[in-house]
Amino acid sequence: MRTIFLIAFGLAFVHGLASGQRATNASSSAMTKSKAQNPAAVHASAIVIDTHADTPQRMLDEHFDLGDPLNGGDWNLETARKGNLGAEFFSIWVEPDRFKGQYARRTLELIDAVKQQVAKHHDQMDFVTTPEGIEEAHREHKIAVLMGIEGGHSIENSLALLRQYYALGVRYMTLTWANSNEWADS
């Protein structure tokens, strides 16, 4: 996924450099500026990927539906479309004090909440786990949904849990959050 962003950024950057070399001075450069060089046009043509949304907690705890108005939140389908969002990594974050002793259960419930929203809005969203999946969702005019775990405490020191989260579609995990665990210090 980083590759898609870097390619889009690199192409826009190289295109801008090449166009700038053709212009003989600042005024002719401004006059020859094409629509493709316009930042809004570059944004509209890119696959925009947001790597962190805390919305799963709201989905689970408040029964928030991504099709509903924000009402104080930060992410819904309407705002994602307005921002030309192509892919979203939903953050699977378990508050360490509140859910002490229940990290895995809470993690699984948050993963399930994300998957339930994708199933409910399958006409607008696709759950993906690869860069190719992001590209496919983009071709289908859908938002690609991915997940990452925020804080290694969610694996409860179990590599088996880590493997299961991967099998469920989680594609990254930060080692710590603001709390340390038995194998990493925040």
Protein backbone atom coordinates (compact mmCIF):
# COMPACT_ATOMS: atom_id res chain seq x y z
CA MET A 1 0.00 0.00 0.00
CA ARG A 2 2.91 2.27 0.70
CA THR A 3 4.01 1.50 -2.86
CA ILE A 4 0.74 2.87 -4.30
CA PHE A 5 1.16 6.12 -2.39
CA LEU A 6 4.84 6.44 -3.29
CA ILE A 7 4.13 5.75 -6.95
CA ALA A 8 1.33 8.35 -7.03
CA PHE A 9 3.51 10.87 -5.21
CA GLY A 10 6.53 10.09 -7.38
CA LEU A 11 4.58 10.40 -10.62
CA ALA A 12 3.07 13.71 -9.55
CA PHE A 13 6.50 14.97 -8.46
CA VAL A 14 8.28 13.85 -11.64
CA HIS A 15 5.49 15.25 -13.81
CA GLY A 16 5.81 18.56 -11.99
CA LEU A 17 9.59 18.61 -12.47
CA ALA A 18 9.35 17.79 -16.17
CA SER A 19 6.71 20.44 -16.74
CA GLY A 20 8.78 23.00 -14.85
CA GLN A 21 11.80 22.31 -17.07
CA ARG A 22 9.76 23.04 -20.20
CA ALA A 23 8.80 26.48 -18.98
CA THR A 24 11.29 29.22 -19.72
CA ASN A 25 10.29 31.56 -16.90
CA ALA A 26 7.86 31.88 -14.00
CA SER A 27 5.16 33.66 -15.99
CA SER A 28 5.17 31.17 -18.86
CA SER A 29 5.21 28.36 -16.30
CA ALA A 30 2.05 29.73 -14.72
CA MET A 31 0.38 30.06 -18.12
CA THR A 32 1.30 26.53 -19.23
CA LYS A 33 0.26 24.89 -15.99
CA SER A 34 -1.99 22.02 -16.99
CA LYS A 35 -5.01 20.72 -15.17
CA ALA A 36 -3.03 17.60 -14.20
CA GLN A 37 -0.61 19.74 -12.20
CA ASN A 38 -3.40 21.31 -10.17
CA PRO A 39 -3.23 19.89 -6.61
CA ALA A 40 -6.98 19.22 -6.60
CA ALA A 41 -6.69 17.28 -9.88
CA VAL A 42 -3.76 15.25 -8.54
CA HIS A 43 -5.79 14.49 -5.40
CA ALA A 44 -8.80 13.47 -7.49
CA SER A 45 -6.71 11.13 -9.62
CA ALA A 46 -4.84 9.48 -6.72
CA ILE A 47 -5.79 6.54 -4.56
CA VAL A 48 -5.91 8.34 -1.22
CA ILE A 49 -5.04 6.07 1.71
CA ASP A 50 -5.66 7.04 5.33
CA THR A 51 -3.64 4.87 7.70
CA HIS A 52 -5.55 5.48 10.93
CA ALA A 53 -9.20 5.85 11.90
CA ASP A 54 -10.36 5.19 15.46
CA THR A 55 -13.96 4.62 14.35
CA PRO A 56 -14.20 0.90 15.24
CA GLN A 57 -14.65 1.78 18.92
CA ARG A 58 -17.61 3.93 17.96
CA MET A 59 -19.02 1.17 15.73
CA LEU A 60 -18.88 -1.30 18.60
CA ASP A 61 -19.69 0.81 21.65
CA GLU A 62 -22.23 3.21 20.14
CA HIS A 63 -23.55 0.90 17.40
CA PHE A 64 -22.53 3.61 14.93
CA ASP A 65 -23.34 2.85 11.32
CA LEU A 66 -20.91 4.23 8.74
CA GLY A 67 -23.88 5.22 6.58
CA ASP A 68 -25.23 7.53 9.29
CA PRO A 69 -24.42 11.25 9.72
CA LEU A 70 -21.27 11.92 11.75
CA ASN A 71 -22.96 13.45 14.81
CA GLY A 72 -19.65 14.27 16.44
CA GLY A 73 -17.51 11.55 14.90
CA ASP A 74 -14.65 11.77 12.44
CA TRP A 75 -15.42 9.14 9.78
CA ASN A 76 -18.43 8.03 7.79
CA LEU A 77 -19.07 7.05 4.20
CA GLU A 78 -20.23 10.52 3.21
CA THR A 79 -17.07 12.29 4.42
CA ALA A 80 -14.87 9.54 3.00
CA ARG A 81 -16.43 10.06 -0.43
CA LYS A 82 -16.16 13.86 -0.19
CA GLY A 83 -12.45 13.47 0.60
CA ASN A 84 -11.90 11.06 -2.30
CA LEU A 85 -10.75 8.41 0.16
CA GLY A 86 -9.70 5.24 -1.59
CA ALA A 87 -8.61 3.13 1.37
CA GLU A 88 -8.88 3.27 5.14
CA PHE A 89 -6.94 1.41 7.81
CA PHE A 90 -9.31 1.08 10.74
CA SER A 91 -7.45 1.08 14.02
CA ILE A 92 -8.19 -1.82 16.31
CA TRP A 93 -7.36 -0.21 19.65
CA VAL A 94 -8.07 -1.72 23.05
CA GLU A 95 -7.95 0.71 25.96
CA PRO A 96 -5.44 -1.00 28.26
CA ASP A 97 -6.85 -0.05 31.67
CA ARG A 98 -10.54 -0.46 30.88
CA PHE A 99 -10.13 -3.85 29.19
CA LYS A 100 -7.31 -5.33 31.27
CA GLY A 101 -7.57 -9.11 31.11
CA GLN A 102 -9.88 -8.89 28.06
CA TYR A 103 -7.53 -7.62 25.35
CA ALA A 104 -8.07 -10.50 22.94
CA ARG A 105 -11.85 -10.50 23.36
CA ARG A 106 -12.07 -6.75 22.79
CA THR A 107 -9.73 -7.00 19.79
CA LEU A 108 -11.92 -9.68 18.22
CA GLU A 109 -15.08 -7.66 18.87
CA LEU A 110 -13.55 -4.60 17.17
CA ILE A 111 -12.44 -6.66 14.17
CA ASP A 112 -15.95 -8.07 13.95
CA ALA A 113 -17.47 -4.57 14.12
CA VAL A 114 -15.38 -3.50 11.12
CA LYS A 115 -16.29 -6.60 9.14
CA GLN A 116 -19.99 -6.16 9.97
CA GLN A 117 -19.93 -2.61 8.58
CA VAL A 118 -18.22 -3.78 5.39
CA ALA A 119 -20.86 -6.50 4.99
CA LYS A 120 -23.65 -3.99 5.57
CA HIS A 121 -22.20 -1.51 3.05
CA HIS A 122 -20.77 -4.00 0.55
CA ASP A 123 -21.94 -1.79 -2.30
CA GLN A 124 -19.58 0.98 -1.13
CA MET A 125 -16.78 -0.87 0.68
CA ASP A 126 -14.53 -3.89 0.16
CA PHE A 127 -12.49 -5.59 2.88
CA VAL A 128 -8.99 -6.08 1.46
CA THR A 129 -5.59 -7.20 2.70
CA THR A 130 -3.26 -6.42 -0.22
CA PRO A 131 -2.24 -3.54 -2.47
CA GLU A 132 -3.95 -5.37 -5.30
CA GLY A 133 -7.13 -5.42 -3.25
CA ILE A 134 -6.92 -1.64 -2.84
CA GLU A 135 -6.53 -1.23 -6.59
CA GLU A 136 -9.45 -3.58 -7.29
CA ALA A 137 -11.72 -1.69 -4.87
CA HIS A 138 -10.67 1.55 -6.57
CA ARG A 139 -11.60 0.16 -9.99
CA GLU A 140 -15.00 -0.78 -8.55
CA HIS A 141 -15.42 2.73 -7.06
CA LYS A 142 -15.44 1.32 -3.53
CA ILE A 143 -13.49 2.23 -0.43
CA ALA A 144 -10.92 -0.39 0.47
CA VAL A 145 -11.09 -1.31 4.16
CA LEU A 146 -8.04 -2.59 6.00
CA MET A 147 -7.23 -3.05 9.68
CA GLY A 148 -4.25 -2.52 11.95
CA ILE A 149 -3.87 -3.18 15.67
CA GLU A 150 -2.73 -0.27 17.81
CA GLY A 151 -0.75 -1.78 20.67
CA GLY A 152 0.90 -5.17 21.04
CA HIS A 153 -0.96 -5.82 24.29
CA SER A 154 -3.79 -7.10 22.06
CA ILE A 155 -1.86 -10.31 21.38
CA GLU A 156 -1.56 -11.06 25.12
CA ASN A 157 2.00 -12.38 24.56
CA SER A 158 0.64 -15.04 22.19
CA LEU A 159 2.05 -15.57 18.72
CA ALA A 160 -0.97 -17.80 18.05
CA LEU A 161 -3.24 -14.77 18.60
CA LEU A 162 -1.04 -12.71 16.29
CA ARG A 163 -1.41 -15.37 13.59
CA GLN A 164 -5.18 -15.45 14.10
CA TYR A 165 -5.47 -11.67 13.80
CA TYR A 166 -3.53 -11.93 10.56
CA ALA A 167 -5.90 -14.67 9.36
CA LEU A 168 -8.79 -12.30 10.14
CA GLY A 169 -7.24 -9.63 7.93
CA VAL A 170 -5.18 -7.45 10.27
CA ARG A 171 -2.12 -6.23 8.39
CA TYR A 172 -0.09 -4.27 10.91
CA MET A 173 0.36 -3.98 14.64
CA THR A 174 2.26 -1.34 16.56
CA LEU A 175 4.48 -2.86 19.24
CA THR A 176 3.11 -0.61 21.96
CA TRP A 177 0.58 2.11 22.55
CA ALA A 178 1.08 4.45 25.52
CA ASN A 179 1.46 1.37 27.69
CA SER A 180 4.35 -1.06 27.79
CA ASN A 181 3.97 -4.82 27.60
CA GLU A 182 6.23 -7.73 28.56
CA TRP A 183 8.30 -7.48 25.37
CA ALA A 184 8.23 -3.80 24.34
CA ASP A 185 8.46 -0.53 26.25
CA SER A 186 6.46 2.51 25.24
